[in-house]
Amino acid sequence: QVQLVESGGGLVQAGGSLRLSCVASGSSFSINAMGWYRQAPGKQRELVATMTSGGTTNYLNSVKGRFTISRNSAKNTVYLEMNSLKPGDTAVYYCYKGLLDGTAWREYWGQGTQVTVSS
């Protein structure tokens, strides 16, 4: 069973920066993806940034150029560096890990960390 533990959320003023971290424990499979989703009140959860085990990244258009995802595979950790934060970035941010277990794609989620950006 994979467990994900996030840290690094908080309150920041617009234009500020935060760094989120997520450590994964449990099973490790070579083909996988890790990343971040977010959910604001009254809105659907949306992909923010992901990175595959092969290094391919995917970003939400509105965060391109401001957010950077990175991974430390040896530590089974994924990071999200968030710069030039805007009030619209306020949401609960969830760590995500997907992995290929034989022929099945399995997904796991962290408990979420609150990011609040004040204007």
PDB file of N, CA and C in Angstrom:
ATOM      1  N   GLN A   1       0.844  -1.191   0.000  1.00  0.00           N
ATOM      2  CA  GLN A   1       0.000   0.000   0.000  1.00  0.00           C
ATOM      3  C   GLN A   1       0.881   1.242   0.000  1.00  0.00           C
ATOM      4  N   VAL A   2       0.598   2.165  -0.899  1.00  0.00           N
ATOM      5  CA  VAL A   2       1.368   3.395  -0.995  1.00  0.00           C
ATOM      6  C   VAL A   2       0.756   4.447  -0.088  1.00  0.00           C
ATOM      7  N   GLN A   3       1.590   5.133   0.656  1.00  0.00           N
ATOM      8  CA  GLN A   3       1.142   6.256   1.481  1.00  0.00           C
ATOM      9  C   GLN A   3       1.888   7.507   1.055  1.00  0.00           C
ATOM     10  N   LEU A   4       1.171   8.614   1.022  1.00  0.00           N
ATOM     11  CA  LEU A   4       1.741   9.894   0.593  1.00  0.00           C
ATOM     12  C   LEU A   4       1.564  10.906   1.715  1.00  0.00           C
ATOM     13  N   VAL A   5       2.638  11.582   2.071  1.00  0.00           N
ATOM     14  CA  VAL A   5       2.584  12.575   3.136  1.00  0.00           C
ATOM     15  C   VAL A   5       3.085  13.901   2.595  1.00  0.00           C
ATOM     16  N   GLU A   6       2.198  14.902   2.611  1.00  0.00           N
ATOM     17  CA  GLU A   6       2.535  16.226   2.084  1.00  0.00           C
ATOM     18  C   GLU A   6       2.982  17.168   3.199  1.00  0.00           C
ATOM     19  N   SER A   7       3.725  18.168   2.813  1.00  0.00           N
ATOM     20  CA  SER A   7       4.089  19.240   3.735  1.00  0.00           C
ATOM     21  C   SER A   7       4.384  20.494   2.918  1.00  0.00           C
ATOM     22  N   GLY A   8       4.361  21.642   3.597  1.00  0.00           N
ATOM     23  CA  GLY A   8       4.780  22.877   2.952  1.00  0.00           C
ATOM     24  C   GLY A   8       3.687  23.866   2.627  1.00  0.00           C
ATOM     25  N   GLY A   9       2.433  23.528   2.863  1.00  0.00           N
ATOM     26  CA  GLY A   9       1.365  24.482   2.609  1.00  0.00           C
ATOM     27  C   GLY A   9       1.388  25.611   3.630  1.00  0.00           C
ATOM     28  N   GLY A  10       0.513  26.587   3.414  1.00  0.00           N
ATOM     29  CA  GLY A  10       0.439  27.693   4.349  1.00  0.00           C
ATOM     30  C   GLY A  10      -0.216  28.914   3.749  1.00  0.00           C
ATOM     31  N   LEU A  11      -0.043  30.034   4.448  1.00  0.00           N
ATOM     32  CA  LEU A  11      -0.613  31.311   4.030  1.00  0.00           C
ATOM     33  C   LEU A  11       0.506  32.196   3.511  1.00  0.00           C
ATOM     34  N   VAL A  12       0.281  32.787   2.347  1.00  0.00           N
ATOM     35  CA  VAL A  12       1.298  33.652   1.738  1.00  0.00           C
ATOM     36  C   VAL A  12       0.600  34.794   1.023  1.00  0.00           C
ATOM     37  N   GLN A  13       1.269  35.911   0.925  1.00  0.00           N
ATOM     38  CA  GLN A  13       0.715  37.042   0.192  1.00  0.00           C
ATOM     39  C   GLN A  13       0.897  36.851  -1.302  1.00  0.00           C
ATOM     40  N   ALA A  14       0.053  37.495  -2.055  1.00  0.00           N
ATOM     41  CA  ALA A  14       0.167  37.438  -3.513  1.00  0.00           C
ATOM     42  C   ALA A  14       1.563  37.885  -3.937  1.00  0.00           C
ATOM     43  N   GLY A  15       2.118  37.136  -4.885  1.00  0.00           N
ATOM     44  CA  GLY A  15       3.467  37.400  -5.341  1.00  0.00           C
ATOM     45  C   GLY A  15       4.520  36.599  -4.605  1.00  0.00           C
ATOM     46  N   GLY A  16       4.121  35.956  -3.534  1.00  0.00           N
ATOM     47  CA  GLY A  16       5.049  35.172  -2.733  1.00  0.00           C
ATOM     48  C   GLY A  16       5.274  33.783  -3.281  1.00  0.00           C
ATOM     49  N   SER A  17       6.018  32.991  -2.512  1.00  0.00           N
ATOM     50  CA  SER A  17       6.400  31.643  -2.945  1.00  0.00           C
ATOM     51  C   SER A  17       6.167  30.630  -1.829  1.00  0.00           C
ATOM     52  N   LEU A  18       5.919  29.414  -2.246  1.00  0.00           N
ATOM     53  CA  LEU A  18       5.829  28.274  -1.336  1.00  0.00           C
ATOM     54  C   LEU A  18       6.415  27.063  -2.036  1.00  0.00           C
ATOM     55  N   ARG A  19       6.881  26.124  -1.233  1.00  0.00           N
ATOM     56  CA  ARG A  19       7.379  24.860  -1.772  1.00  0.00           C
ATOM     57  C   ARG A  19       6.667  23.719  -1.074  1.00  0.00           C
ATOM     58  N   LEU A  20       5.995  22.904  -1.860  1.00  0.00           N
ATOM     59  CA  LEU A  20       5.321  21.723  -1.344  1.00  0.00           C
ATOM     60  C   LEU A  20       6.222  20.506  -1.535  1.00  0.00           C
ATOM     61  N   SER A  21       6.152  19.593  -0.557  1.00  0.00           N
ATOM     62  CA  SER A  21       6.897  18.342  -0.640  1.00  0.00           C
ATOM     63  C   SER A  21       5.949  17.181  -0.375  1.00  0.00           C
ATOM     64  N   CYS A  22       6.244  16.065  -0.975  1.00  0.00           N
ATOM     65  CA  CYS A  22       5.439  14.860  -0.761  1.00  0.00           C
ATOM     66  C   CYS A  22       6.356  13.648  -0.782  1.00  0.00           C
ATOM     67  N   VAL A  23       6.311  12.905   0.304  1.00  0.00           N
ATOM     68  CA  VAL A  23       7.106  11.684   0.412  1.00  0.00           C
ATOM     69  C   VAL A  23       6.192  10.481   0.259  1.00  0.00           C
ATOM     70  N   ALA A  24       6.572   9.569  -0.626  1.00  0.00           N
ATOM     71  CA  ALA A  24       5.796   8.360  -0.852  1.00  0.00           C
ATOM     72  C   ALA A  24       6.477   7.183  -0.171  1.00  0.00           C
ATOM     73  N   SER A  25       5.695   6.358   0.496  1.00  0.00           N
ATOM     74  CA  SER A  25       6.217   5.143   1.096  1.00  0.00           C
ATOM     75  C   SER A  25       5.367   3.971   0.639  1.00  0.00           C
ATOM     76  N   GLY A  26       5.910   2.784   0.765  1.00  0.00           N
ATOM     77  CA  GLY A  26       5.187   1.598   0.335  1.00  0.00           C
ATOM     78  C   GLY A  26       5.777   1.049  -0.945  1.00  0.00           C
ATOM     79  N   SER A  27       4.951   0.444  -1.752  1.00  0.00           N
ATOM     80  CA  SER A  27       5.426  -0.232  -2.954  1.00  0.00           C
ATOM     81  C   SER A  27       6.031   0.755  -3.943  1.00  0.00           C
ATOM     82  N   SER A  28       7.013   0.284  -4.641  1.00  0.00           N
ATOM     83  CA  SER A  28       7.658   1.121  -5.655  1.00  0.00           C
ATOM     84  C   SER A  28       7.678   0.366  -6.967  1.00  0.00           C
ATOM     85  N   PHE A  29       7.177   0.966  -8.020  1.00  0.00           N
ATOM     86  CA  PHE A  29       7.148   0.360  -9.339  1.00  0.00           C
ATOM     87  C   PHE A  29       7.870   1.266 -10.317  1.00  0.00           C
ATOM     88  N   SER A  30       8.495   0.658 -11.301  1.00  0.00           N
ATOM     89  CA  SER A  30       9.357   1.443 -12.172  1.00  0.00           C
ATOM     90  C   SER A  30       8.572   2.408 -13.052  1.00  0.00           C
ATOM     91  N   ILE A  31       7.387   2.025 -13.502  1.00  0.00           N
ATOM     92  CA  ILE A  31       6.595   2.916 -14.352  1.00  0.00           C
ATOM     93  C   ILE A  31       5.571   3.615 -13.475  1.00  0.00           C
ATOM     94  N   ASN A  32       5.755   4.911 -13.306  1.00  0.00           N
ATOM     95  CA  ASN A  32       4.858   5.622 -12.410  1.00  0.00           C
ATOM     96  C   ASN A  32       4.839   7.106 -12.745  1.00  0.00           C
ATOM     97  N   ALA A  33       3.972   7.795 -12.077  1.00  0.00           N
ATOM     98  CA  ALA A  33       3.905   9.256 -12.192  1.00  0.00           C
ATOM     99  C   ALA A  33       3.599   9.810 -10.815  1.00  0.00           C
ATOM    100  N   MET A  34       4.186  10.939 -10.509  1.00  0.00           N
ATOM    101  CA  MET A  34       3.876  11.638  -9.261  1.00  0.00           C
ATOM    102  C   MET A  34       3.586  13.088  -9.580  1.00  0.00           C
ATOM    103  N   GLY A  35       2.805  13.699  -8.718  1.00  0.00           N
ATOM    104  CA  GLY A  35       2.516  15.100  -8.983  1.00  0.00           C
ATOM    105  C   GLY A  35       1.523  15.686  -8.007  1.00  0.00           C
ATOM    106  N   TRP A  36       0.887  16.759  -8.466  1.00  0.00           N
ATOM    107  CA  TRP A  36       0.000  17.547  -7.609  1.00  0.00           C
ATOM    108  C   TRP A  36      -1.291  17.899  -8.337  1.00  0.00           C
ATOM    109  N   TYR A  37      -2.363  17.766  -7.588  1.00  0.00           N
ATOM    110  CA  TYR A  37      -3.662  18.260  -8.005  1.00  0.00           C
ATOM    111  C   TYR A  37      -4.111  19.278  -6.966  1.00  0.00           C
ATOM    112  N   ARG A  38      -5.125  20.053  -7.292  1.00  0.00           N
ATOM    113  CA  ARG A  38      -5.677  20.992  -6.320  1.00  0.00           C
ATOM    114  C   ARG A  38      -7.190  21.076  -6.463  1.00  0.00           C
ATOM    115  N   GLN A  39      -7.810  21.478  -5.374  1.00  0.00           N
ATOM    116  CA  GLN A  39      -9.255  21.641  -5.382  1.00  0.00           C
ATOM    117  C   GLN A  39      -9.619  22.870  -4.560  1.00  0.00           C
ATOM    118  N   ALA A  40     -10.233  23.821  -5.214  1.00  0.00           N
ATOM    119  CA  ALA A  40     -10.716  25.023  -4.551  1.00  0.00           C
ATOM    120  C   ALA A  40     -12.170  24.801  -4.156  1.00  0.00           C
ATOM    121  N   PRO A  41     -12.672  25.541  -3.170  1.00  0.00           N
ATOM    122  CA  PRO A  41     -14.068  25.378  -2.746  1.00  0.00           C
ATOM    123  C   PRO A  41     -15.037  25.551  -3.904  1.00  0.00           C
ATOM    124  N   GLY A  42     -15.941  24.597  -4.038  1.00  0.00           N
ATOM    125  CA  GLY A  42     -16.942  24.671  -5.082  1.00  0.00           C
ATOM    126  C   GLY A  42     -16.456  24.319  -6.469  1.00  0.00           C
ATOM    127  N   LYS A  43     -15.219  23.880  -6.574  1.00  0.00           N
ATOM    128  CA  LYS A  43     -14.663  23.533  -7.892  1.00  0.00           C
ATOM    129  C   LYS A  43     -14.196  22.095  -7.908  1.00  0.00           C
ATOM    130  N   GLN A  44     -14.031  21.583  -9.125  1.00  0.00           N
ATOM    131  CA  GLN A  44     -13.536  20.219  -9.275  1.00  0.00           C
ATOM    132  C   GLN A  44     -12.029  20.176  -9.057  1.00  0.00           C
ATOM    133  N   ARG A  45     -11.573  19.006  -8.672  1.00  0.00           N
ATOM    134  CA  ARG A  45     -10.139  18.814  -8.528  1.00  0.00           C
ATOM    135  C   ARG A  45      -9.497  18.898  -9.911  1.00  0.00           C
ATOM    136  N   GLU A  46      -8.353  19.595  -9.990  1.00  0.00           N
ATOM    137  CA  GLU A  46      -7.681  19.752 -11.268  1.00  0.00           C
ATOM    138  C   GLU A  46      -6.192  19.443 -11.146  1.00  0.00           C
ATOM    139  N   LEU A  47      -5.655  18.964 -12.250  1.00  0.00           N
ATOM    140  CA  LEU A  47      -4.229  18.669 -12.303  1.00  0.00           C
ATOM    141  C   LEU A  47      -3.446  19.972 -12.281  1.00  0.00           C
ATOM    142  N   VAL A  48      -2.438  20.027 -11.435  1.00  0.00           N
ATOM    143  CA  VAL A  48      -1.547  21.182 -11.392  1.00  0.00           C
ATOM    144  C   VAL A  48      -0.248  20.867 -12.132  1.00  0.00           C
ATOM    145  N   ALA A  49       0.383  19.774 -11.745  1.00  0.00           N
ATOM    146  CA  ALA A  49       1.633  19.377 -12.393  1.00  0.00           C
ATOM    147  C   ALA A  49       1.919  17.924 -12.074  1.00  0.00           C
ATOM    148  N   THR A  50       2.400  17.204 -13.067  1.00  0.00           N
ATOM    149  CA  THR A  50       2.816  15.824 -12.856  1.00  0.00           C
ATOM    150  C   THR A  50       4.133  15.571 -13.573  1.00  0.00           C
ATOM    151  N   MET A  51       4.825  14.566 -13.100  1.00  0.00           N
ATOM    152  CA  MET A  51       6.071  14.142 -13.733  1.00  0.00           C
ATOM    153  C   MET A  51       6.114  12.627 -13.732  1.00  0.00           C
ATOM    154  N   THR A  52       6.382  12.047 -14.885  1.00  0.00           N
ATOM    155  CA  THR A  52       6.473  10.587 -14.974  1.00  0.00           C
ATOM    156  C   THR A  52       7.855  10.122 -14.554  1.00  0.00           C
ATOM    157  N   SER A  53       7.966   8.820 -14.369  1.00  0.00           N
ATOM    158  CA  SER A  53       9.261   8.234 -14.030  1.00  0.00           C
ATOM    159  C   SER A  53      10.262   8.443 -15.157  1.00  0.00           C
ATOM    160  N   GLY A  54       9.753   8.696 -16.366  1.00  0.00           N
ATOM    161  CA  GLY A  54      10.637   8.966 -17.495  1.00  0.00           C
ATOM    162  C   GLY A  54      11.024  10.427 -17.618  1.00  0.00           C
ATOM    163  N   GLY A  55      10.461  11.274 -16.745  1.00  0.00           N
ATOM    164  CA  GLY A  55      10.825  12.682 -16.735  1.00  0.00           C
ATOM    165  C   GLY A  55       9.887  13.602 -17.495  1.00  0.00           C
ATOM    166  N   THR A  56       8.831  13.061 -18.069  1.00  0.00           N
ATOM    167  CA  THR A  56       7.879  13.900 -18.795  1.00  0.00           C
ATOM    168  C   THR A  56       7.020  14.684 -17.810  1.00  0.00           C
ATOM    169  N   THR A  57       6.897  15.985 -18.058  1.00  0.00           N
ATOM    170  CA  THR A  57       6.094  16.837 -17.180  1.00  0.00           C
ATOM    171  C   THR A  57       4.838  17.323 -17.883  1.00  0.00           C
ATOM    172  N   ASN A  58       3.858  17.640 -17.070  1.00  0.00           N
ATOM    173  CA  ASN A  58       2.603  18.180 -17.575  1.00  0.00           C
ATOM    174  C   ASN A  58       2.137  19.235 -16.571  1.00  0.00           C
ATOM    175  N   TYR A  59       1.768  20.409 -17.065  1.00  0.00           N
ATOM    176  CA  TYR A  59       1.366  21.501 -16.199  1.00  0.00           C
ATOM    177  C   TYR A  59       0.006  22.055 -16.597  1.00  0.00           C
ATOM    178  N   LEU A  60      -0.720  22.511 -15.596  1.00  0.00           N
ATOM    179  CA  LEU A  60      -1.917  23.316 -15.826  1.00  0.00           C
ATOM    180  C   LEU A  60      -1.473  24.606 -16.517  1.00  0.00           C
ATOM    181  N   ASN A  61      -2.198  25.015 -17.535  1.00  0.00           N
ATOM    182  CA  ASN A  61      -1.774  26.196 -18.301  1.00  0.00           C
ATOM    183  C   ASN A  61      -1.570  27.427 -17.423  1.00  0.00           C
ATOM    184  N   SER A  62      -2.427  27.601 -16.456  1.00  0.00           N
ATOM    185  CA  SER A  62      -2.379  28.828 -15.662  1.00  0.00           C
ATOM    186  C   SER A  62      -1.190  28.884 -14.703  1.00  0.00           C
ATOM    187  N   VAL A  63      -0.478  27.785 -14.526  1.00  0.00           N
ATOM    188  CA  VAL A  63       0.677  27.798 -13.625  1.00  0.00           C
ATOM    189  C   VAL A  63       2.001  27.699 -14.377  1.00  0.00           C
ATOM    190  N   LYS A  64       1.935  27.520 -15.678  1.00  0.00           N
ATOM    191  CA  LYS A  64       3.173  27.422 -16.471  1.00  0.00           C
ATOM    192  C   LYS A  64       3.997  28.699 -16.313  1.00  0.00           C
ATOM    193  N   GLY A  65       5.274  28.509 -16.082  1.00  0.00           N
ATOM    194  CA  GLY A  65       6.159  29.649 -15.885  1.00  0.00           C
ATOM    195  C   GLY A  65       6.223  30.124 -14.448  1.00  0.00           C
ATOM    196  N   ARG A  66       5.310  29.677 -13.621  1.00  0.00           N
ATOM    197  CA  ARG A  66       5.308  30.072 -12.207  1.00  0.00           C
ATOM    198  C   ARG A  66       5.609  28.895 -11.284  1.00  0.00           C
ATOM    199  N   PHE A  67       5.124  27.708 -11.634  1.00  0.00           N
ATOM    200  CA  PHE A  67       5.305  26.515 -10.809  1.00  0.00           C
ATOM    201  C   PHE A  67       6.296  25.579 -11.482  1.00  0.00           C
ATOM    202  N   THR A  68       7.074  24.876 -10.668  1.00  0.00           N
ATOM    203  CA  THR A  68       8.019  23.897 -11.180  1.00  0.00           C
ATOM    204  C   THR A  68       7.928  22.625 -10.359  1.00  0.00           C
ATOM    205  N   ILE A  69       7.740  21.512 -11.046  1.00  0.00           N
ATOM    206  CA  ILE A  69       7.701  20.217 -10.378  1.00  0.00           C
ATOM    207  C   ILE A  69       9.056  19.543 -10.529  1.00  0.00           C
ATOM    208  N   SER A  70       9.456  18.838  -9.472  1.00  0.00           N
ATOM    209  CA  SER A  70      10.703  18.082  -9.531  1.00  0.00           C
ATOM    210  C   SER A  70      10.557  16.824  -8.682  1.00  0.00           C
ATOM    211  N   ARG A  71      11.416  15.866  -8.947  1.00  0.00           N
ATOM    212  CA  ARG A  71      11.360  14.593  -8.209  1.00  0.00           C
ATOM    213  C   ARG A  71      12.754  14.193  -7.757  1.00  0.00           C
ATOM    214  N   ASN A  72      12.798  13.537  -6.625  1.00  0.00           N
ATOM    215  CA  ASN A  72      14.006  12.862  -6.161  1.00  0.00           C
ATOM    216  C   ASN A  72      13.617  11.396  -6.047  1.00  0.00           C
ATOM    217  N   SER A  73      13.940  10.632  -7.084  1.00  0.00           N
ATOM    218  CA  SER A  73      13.503   9.241  -7.120  1.00  0.00           C
ATOM    219  C   SER A  73      14.119   8.417  -6.001  1.00  0.00           C
ATOM    220  N   ALA A  74      15.351   8.729  -5.654  1.00  0.00           N
ATOM    221  CA  ALA A  74      16.025   7.984  -4.586  1.00  0.00           C
ATOM    222  C   ALA A  74      15.297   8.141  -3.258  1.00  0.00           C
ATOM    223  N   LYS A  75      14.703   9.325  -3.058  1.00  0.00           N
ATOM    224  CA  LYS A  75      13.972   9.588  -1.817  1.00  0.00           C
ATOM    225  C   LYS A  75      12.472   9.399  -1.985  1.00  0.00           C
ATOM    226  N   ASN A  76      12.052   9.006  -3.197  1.00  0.00           N
ATOM    227  CA  ASN A  76      10.627   8.804  -3.468  1.00  0.00           C
ATOM    228  C   ASN A  76       9.823  10.051  -3.096  1.00  0.00           C
ATOM    229  N   THR A  77      10.345  11.182  -3.492  1.00  0.00           N
ATOM    230  CA  THR A  77       9.765  12.470  -3.113  1.00  0.00           C
ATOM    231  C   THR A  77       9.512  13.322  -4.345  1.00  0.00           C
ATOM    232  N   VAL A  78       8.412  14.059  -4.306  1.00  0.00           N
ATOM    233  CA  VAL A  78       8.104  15.005  -5.356  1.00  0.00           C
ATOM    234  C   VAL A  78       7.903  16.380  -4.724  1.00  0.00           C
ATOM    235  N   TYR A  79       8.341  17.407  -5.446  1.00  0.00           N
ATOM    236  CA  TYR A  79       8.264  18.773  -4.955  1.00  0.00           C
ATOM    237  C   TYR A  79       7.478  19.640  -5.937  1.00  0.00           C
ATOM    238  N   LEU A  80       6.892  20.692  -5.400  1.00  0.00           N
ATOM    239  CA  LEU A  80       6.262  21.690  -6.250  1.00  0.00           C
ATOM    240  C   LEU A  80       6.708  23.056  -5.758  1.00  0.00           C
ATOM    241  N   GLU A  81       7.529  23.712  -6.561  1.00  0.00           N
ATOM    242  CA  GLU A  81       7.977  25.057  -6.258  1.00  0.00           C
ATOM    243  C   GLU A  81       6.971  26.019  -6.884  1.00  0.00           C
ATOM    244  N   MET A  82       6.356  26.846  -6.044  1.00  0.00           N
ATOM    245  CA  MET A  82       5.307  27.755  -6.516  1.00  0.00           C
ATOM    246  C   MET A  82       5.765  29.194  -6.309  1.00  0.00           C
ATOM    247  N   ASN A  83       5.909  29.917  -7.397  1.00  0.00           N
ATOM    248  CA  ASN A  83       6.332  31.310  -7.355  1.00  0.00           C
ATOM    249  C   ASN A  83       5.242  32.215  -7.925  1.00  0.00           C
ATOM    250  N   SER A  84       5.356  33.501  -7.626  1.00  0.00           N
ATOM    251  CA  SER A  84       4.390  34.485  -8.132  1.00  0.00           C
ATOM    252  C   SER A  84       2.958  34.028  -7.865  1.00  0.00           C
ATOM    253  N   LEU A  85       2.732  33.610  -6.657  1.00  0.00           N
ATOM    254  CA  LEU A  85       1.416  33.065  -6.314  1.00  0.00           C
ATOM    255  C   LEU A  85       0.331  34.124  -6.415  1.00  0.00           C
ATOM    256  N   LYS A  86      -0.853  33.664  -6.813  1.00  0.00           N
ATOM    257  CA  LYS A  86      -2.014  34.534  -6.985  1.00  0.00           C
ATOM    258  C   LYS A  86      -3.152  34.049  -6.098  1.00  0.00           C
ATOM    259  N   PRO A  87      -4.079  34.935  -5.755  1.00  0.00           N
ATOM    260  CA  PRO A  87      -5.234  34.471  -4.950  1.00  0.00           C
ATOM    261  C   PRO A  87      -5.963  33.299  -5.600  1.00  0.00           C
ATOM    262  N   GLY A  88      -5.975  33.235  -6.916  1.00  0.00           N
ATOM    263  CA  GLY A  88      -6.616  32.142  -7.635  1.00  0.00           C
ATOM    264  C   GLY A  88      -5.935  30.797  -7.447  1.00  0.00           C
ATOM    265  N   ASP A  89      -4.735  30.808  -6.866  1.00  0.00           N
ATOM    266  CA  ASP A  89      -4.040  29.544  -6.570  1.00  0.00           C
ATOM    267  C   ASP A  89      -4.485  28.948  -5.232  1.00  0.00           C
ATOM    268  N   THR A  90      -5.312  29.676  -4.499  1.00  0.00           N
ATOM    269  CA  THR A  90      -5.792  29.181  -3.217  1.00  0.00           C
ATOM    270  C   THR A  90      -6.602  27.905  -3.405  1.00  0.00           C
ATOM    271  N   ALA A  91      -6.206  26.861  -2.691  1.00  0.00           N
ATOM    272  CA  ALA A  91      -6.865  25.565  -2.824  1.00  0.00           C
ATOM    273  C   ALA A  91      -6.211  24.582  -1.853  1.00  0.00           C
ATOM    274  N   VAL A  92      -6.842  23.424  -1.736  1.00  0.00           N
ATOM    275  CA  VAL A  92      -6.172  22.304  -1.077  1.00  0.00           C
ATOM    276  C   VAL A  92      -5.386  21.573  -2.155  1.00  0.00           C
ATOM    277  N   TYR A  93      -4.117  21.374  -1.914  1.00  0.00           N
ATOM    278  CA  TYR A  93      -3.232  20.711  -2.864  1.00  0.00           C
ATOM    279  C   TYR A  93      -3.015  19.267  -2.417  1.00  0.00           C
ATOM    280  N   TYR A  94      -3.231  18.351  -3.350  1.00  0.00           N
ATOM    281  CA  TYR A  94      -3.123  16.924  -3.066  1.00  0.00           C
ATOM    282  C   TYR A  94      -1.957  16.319  -3.829  1.00  0.00           C
ATOM    283  N   CYS A  95      -1.173  15.554  -3.117  1.00  0.00           N
ATOM    284  CA  CYS A  95      -0.114  14.787  -3.761  1.00  0.00           C
ATOM    285  C   CYS A  95      -0.734  13.561  -4.421  1.00  0.00           C
ATOM    286  N   TYR A  96      -0.183  13.197  -5.551  1.00  0.00           N
ATOM    287  CA  TYR A  96      -0.719  12.098  -6.352  1.00  0.00           C
ATOM    288  C   TYR A  96       0.411  11.170  -6.772  1.00  0.00           C
ATOM    289  N   LYS A  97       0.107   9.880  -6.740  1.00  0.00           N
ATOM    290  CA  LYS A  97       1.031   8.915  -7.336  1.00  0.00           C
ATOM    291  C   LYS A  97       0.226   7.879  -8.086  1.00  0.00           C
ATOM    292  N   GLY A  98       0.603   7.661  -9.324  1.00  0.00           N
ATOM    293  CA  GLY A  98       0.025   6.600 -10.124  1.00  0.00           C
ATOM    294  C   GLY A  98       1.114   5.636 -10.519  1.00  0.00           C
ATOM    295  N   LEU A  99       0.786   4.360 -10.521  1.00  0.00           N
ATOM    296  CA  LEU A  99       1.807   3.381 -10.879  1.00  0.00           C
ATOM    297  C   LEU A  99       1.195   2.201 -11.622  1.00  0.00           C
ATOM    298  N   LEU A 100       2.030   1.606 -12.460  1.00  0.00           N
ATOM    299  CA  LEU A 100       1.610   0.461 -13.257  1.00  0.00           C
ATOM    300  C   LEU A 100       1.965  -0.806 -12.498  1.00  0.00           C
ATOM    301  N   ASP A 101       0.928  -1.498 -12.051  1.00  0.00           N
ATOM    302  CA  ASP A 101       1.090  -2.739 -11.282  1.00  0.00           C
ATOM    303  C   ASP A 101       0.645  -3.887 -12.177  1.00  0.00           C
ATOM    304  N   GLY A 102       1.597  -4.480 -12.888  1.00  0.00           N
ATOM    305  CA  GLY A 102       1.237  -5.484 -13.876  1.00  0.00           C
ATOM    306  C   GLY A 102       0.544  -4.812 -15.037  1.00  0.00           C
ATOM    307  N   THR A 103      -0.741  -5.054 -15.195  1.00  0.00           N
ATOM    308  CA  THR A 103      -1.505  -4.406 -16.261  1.00  0.00           C
ATOM    309  C   THR A 103      -2.481  -3.370 -15.711  1.00  0.00           C
ATOM    310  N   ALA A 104      -2.482  -3.191 -14.409  1.00  0.00           N
ATOM    311  CA  ALA A 104      -3.425  -2.254 -13.781  1.00  0.00           C
ATOM    312  C   ALA A 104      -2.720  -0.965 -13.391  1.00  0.00           C
ATOM    313  N   TRP A 105      -3.398   0.167 -13.673  1.00  0.00           N
ATOM    314  CA  TRP A 105      -2.886   1.480 -13.240  1.00  0.00           C
ATOM    315  C   TRP A 105      -3.566   1.815 -11.920  1.00  0.00           C
ATOM    316  N   ARG A 106      -2.752   1.984 -10.887  1.00  0.00           N
ATOM    317  CA  ARG A 106      -3.292   2.257  -9.553  1.00  0.00           C
ATOM    318  C   ARG A 106      -2.948   3.684  -9.154  1.00  0.00           C
ATOM    319  N   GLU A 107      -3.871   4.335  -8.461  1.00  0.00           N
ATOM    320  CA  GLU A 107      -3.677   5.736  -8.077  1.00  0.00           C
ATOM    321  C   GLU A 107      -3.822   5.892  -6.567  1.00  0.00           C
ATOM    322  N   TYR A 108      -2.998   6.782  -6.040  1.00  0.00           N
ATOM    323  CA  TYR A 108      -2.984   7.032  -4.606  1.00  0.00           C
ATOM    324  C   TYR A 108      -2.942   8.546  -4.375  1.00  0.00           C
ATOM    325  N   TRP A 109      -3.512   8.945  -3.233  1.00  0.00           N
ATOM    326  CA  TRP A 109      -3.623  10.378  -2.924  1.00  0.00           C
ATOM    327  C   TRP A 109      -3.156  10.658  -1.504  1.00  0.00           C
ATOM    328  N   GLY A 110      -2.570  11.836  -1.320  1.00  0.00           N
ATOM    329  CA  GLY A 110      -2.259  12.305   0.014  1.00  0.00           C
ATOM    330  C   GLY A 110      -3.489  12.914   0.661  1.00  0.00           C
ATOM    331  N   GLN A 111      -3.318  13.372   1.889  1.00  0.00           N
ATOM    332  CA  GLN A 111      -4.450  13.905   2.645  1.00  0.00           C
ATOM    333  C   GLN A 111      -4.752  15.350   2.287  1.00  0.00           C
ATOM    334  N   GLY A 112      -3.833  16.000   1.606  1.00  0.00           N
ATOM    335  CA  GLY A 112      -4.046  17.379   1.191  1.00  0.00           C
ATOM    336  C   GLY A 112      -3.387  18.380   2.115  1.00  0.00           C
ATOM    337  N   THR A 113      -2.926  19.474   1.530  1.00  0.00           N
ATOM    338  CA  THR A 113      -2.345  20.561   2.312  1.00  0.00           C
ATOM    339  C   THR A 113      -2.910  21.877   1.787  1.00  0.00           C
ATOM    340  N   GLN A 114      -3.310  22.730   2.701  1.00  0.00           N
ATOM    341  CA  GLN A 114      -3.973  23.983   2.321  1.00  0.00           C
ATOM    342  C   GLN A 114      -2.945  25.023   1.892  1.00  0.00           C
ATOM    343  N   VAL A 115      -3.215  25.640   0.760  1.00  0.00           N
ATOM    344  CA  VAL A 115      -2.435  26.791   0.302  1.00  0.00           C
ATOM    345  C   VAL A 115      -3.402  27.963   0.176  1.00  0.00           C
ATOM    346  N   THR A 116      -3.119  29.034   0.899  1.00  0.00           N
ATOM    347  CA  THR A 116      -3.962  30.223   0.862  1.00  0.00           C
ATOM    348  C   THR A 116      -3.121  31.422   0.454  1.00  0.00           C
ATOM    349  N   VAL A 117      -3.563  32.102  -0.597  1.00  0.00           N
ATOM    350  CA  VAL A 117      -2.836  33.263  -1.099  1.00  0.00           C
ATOM    351  C   VAL A 117      -3.717  34.492  -0.888  1.00  0.00           C
ATOM    352  N   SER A 118      -3.233  35.410  -0.080  1.00  0.00           N
ATOM    353  CA  SER A 118      -4.008  36.615   0.215  1.00  0.00           C
ATOM    354  C   SER A 118      -3.651  37.733  -0.753  1.00  0.00           C
ATOM    355  N   SER A 119      -4.633  38.578  -1.030  1.00  0.00           N
ATOM    356  CA  SER A 119      -4.400  39.677  -1.985  1.00  0.00           C
ATOM    357  C   SER A 119      -3.882  40.924  -1.289  1.00  0.00           C
TER     358      SER A 119
END
